[in-house]
Every structure is written in structure tokens, then in C-alpha cells.
Amino acid sequence: MSFDKSLYKKLSGIVAPIAFQYLMSSLVTASDAFMLGFLDQNSLSASSLAGQIAFVFSLFYGAFVFGLTVLAAQYWGKGDKKTAEEVLAVTMRYSLIVGLVFTIATAFIPHLIMRIFTPDPVLIEAGADYLRVVSLSFIITGFVETYFGMMKVCDRAKLSSVIGSSAVLLNIILNALFIFGLGFFPEMGIKGAALATLIARISEAVVIIIAIARRSCPPLDISLMLRSENKELHKDYWKYTVPLLINQIGWGGGVTMYSVIMGHLGTDAVAANSIASIVRSMIASLCWGIASGVGIILGGMLGRNEFEEAKKAGGSFVRFSIWIGAASGVVILAITPLVLHFIHLEPQAQYYLKFMMLMASYYIIGNSLNSTIISGVFPSGGDTKFGMLCDVITLWCVVVPLGMIGAFVLKLPVLAVAFILTLDEFVKIPAVYKHYMKYNWVKNITKAEPGK
């Protein structure tokens, strides 16, 4: 029992700041939706669809940072900080490159991008305005999120949480000022939400640079970022990152297809789905924080060759994730009346939202279990391929095709289509648990330092 107490004490020390940071990030999206909803439903729907671009970008930097966590957590746990910092430099290179691509695309072809999500000219125009203003934030986000990932690995999770949460509060305040034109600020509507996001991201980058200068977090070696001589480390990084990247793109592409499907079912469906997704994301913050913490703790154990301890800890974390998922579902049900009372939608959209919240309450149970195992336990020992295959096959061979057939061929009601799109987490549970019990993830993936 003492083992469990010490284990969960360590987990809570990592999870609490990470989960709080996820929650605060979700609050930005929630404040966008809440404030823009006061203007009109089109602004709400347009910002939701335009926000899918940021979600797609998060799939890329998420995979890069995930790869950093897989390798750096084991090297840091082993005590090899120099190699862990080199992993940071390699990760930063790719995060900035992809961030630049997204910045250029959203700055110069925002209308073309919006047409992917909706044929509605009003939503396209409003969404394009949002993307054009927010475009510079993508490359800045690449820098910020890579450093946040490294801070979590090197026991600076609280610092990353303080920086991220402060930026979120700034974002929410600026949302109110810019969207509604409070005080001497002009009323900017959806452009104001985008500008608030950009300024908040810039503030995060500035504070991180100050923290680096004060040696509060690991330094970034620019020369290693531009050119790394450690080819074996680079090879290892891509060995674990490529499956994660395919997984992220495959899973995220499938989730984005949910928005595409809903986007073609009308603005009522888009508005209701966006609110339900925001609430689900906010409540799921704890689940995602647990997955991140589990990966870091188990990675450190495996880097120190504590294999049996890692097995026991993994089993304990899996059981814990089921309880957390169930509790999260109860919370969603409990807050549903409040959401329906305070969010102002058209009557049809309000009707959709009520039942989408119910779907979110059971969906999160499967999400909690799968995220802990696929995003926490498996990658801690370098097992990144199974999650890739599981997520991609489930989404693209089962759920997305069924959703498209239901929406565009069978012309099913909106709520029936929404139900189909919540099946993915439960379809893959048997395969995930069976693979977990093989314990292929229990291994040390670090290399010996030169000369040792």
C-alpha cells in the first residue's frame, strides 16, 4: 500500500499542473464560444470550424513532443540530461518547420482552407478572417509547446502550468475586450478572438525565453537544432515519433472528419457539436493529464530498469483511469442543465446539444481508459506502433465510413450520426487491453553514453 501511496503522490505532482494546463487551454475555446455566441450563431460556428486548423496543427507538434517525452523521459530518469537536452533540440527543429508551414498557409489561403470544412459562404468568410489574424501564432505555438513538453519531463511541470495558465487568463480577458469592444478597444468580433489568441501565445514565448535565460528550464542548443551529429539518437527519435505522427494524423484526421460531416449537416449541428466537444475537452483535461503523467513516471522507471515495478504501476494506473472516466461522465451529466441554461443557441441546436452531452458522458469513460494506455503506458517503453494501428484502423475503417454513410447516403438524423461518431473509443478497447497484457512496452530504450 505504501508503494501505491508514493506512486500516486508522484503522479499527482505531475498530473495536477498538466491537467490544470489542459483545462485552462480548454477554457480559451470555451470563452471564444461563449462570447461569440452572444454575437450570433454564425460567429460561433465559424470560429469552431476555423479552430480545426489549430487542432490539425496540434496533431503534428503533439507527435513531435510525444516523441520527445518517450525518449527524454527515459534519458532524464537515467540521469543523462545532456542527451535529453539534445532530444529537445531535435524536436524543436521539426515543430518550428511545421509551424511555419501552417503560418504561411493560414495567412495566404484562408478561404481555401475554410472550404474544406463548410460550403456556407458566411462561415467561410468569417472563418477566413479568424485564420488570417491568428496565423502567426502557429510557429510561436511550435516553440511554446515543445518547451512545455520538456518542462514536464525535467520536473518543471508546475512552471509550464503557471506560464500556460497565465496566458489563458490573459487570452480570456483580451477576448472580452476585443470581441465586444470594451473600454477604448474597437469591437472586432471574431477577429478579436483571433487577436487575443495571438497575443497570449506571444506572451508565453516571451516568458519561456526569460525562464531559459534564468536557467529555470533546460537551454536550447541552437547548433544542435540546426544540425545534430548524433545520428543514432536522431534515428531513435524518428523510430518512435513516426508511428506517433501517423497515429496523431490518422486519429486527428478522423476527428476532423467529424467536423466536416457535421459541417455539412447545418449550422445547428455545428454549433451543438462545438459546445459538446468543448465541454468534453474541459472535463477530459484530467484524463489527458493522467496519461501524460503515467508516460513520464513509467518512462523513468523503465530507464532505470525497474521492470516489475513498472508492470505493477501500469496495472494500477489502468484501473485508476476507469474510475476517473466514470467520475468524469457523472460530472458531464451534472453540468448539462447549466450548459443548456447559459449557452444561447437556436431551439433545434439546443435540442441537439442536450443529447450530445449525454453521449459525451459515456464517451469519456472509454477515452480515459484508452488515452492512459495508448498515450501513457505504451509509449513509456517505446511501444508506439500499436496505438497507431489501433486508432487509424478504428477511425478510418469503421467509424468515419459509417458516419459518412449515415449522413450522406442513408440521410440519418443528426443525433443518429453523432451517436455513430462516438463509437471509436469502445470499438478498440478489447484489442487495446489484449495488447497491454502482452507487456511489450516493458523495456529500456536508452543507449549507453559514449565511453561507457
Foldseek 3Di string as FASTA:
>chain_A
DVLVVVLVVLLCLLLVLQLLLLLLVLVLLVLLLLLLLVVDLLLNLLQLLLCLLVLLLCLVLVLLLLLLLLFLLLCVLLVNNVVSLLSLLQSLLRQLVSLVVQLVCLQPPQLVVSVLQAPDPSSSVSNSLLSNLQSNLSNLVSVLVSQCSQCSSNVNSNVNSVLSNVLSVQLSVQLVCACCVPDPRDHDNSNSNSNSSNVSSVSSSVVVVVCVVVVVGPHHDNVSNVPNPPVVSVVSSCLLSVLSSLLSNLLSVLVSLVSSLQNVVDSLSSSLVSLLVSLLSSLCSSLLSSQSSLLSVLLSCQSVVVQVSSLVVLVVSLVVLLVSLLVSLVVLVVCLVVCLVSRDDDPSSSVLNSVSSNLSSNLSSLVSNCSNQQRHQQSSQSNNNVSSVLSNCLRVVAQSVVLCCCCPPVVHDSNVSSNSNSCSSVVRVVVSVVVVVVVPSRHNPDDDDPPD
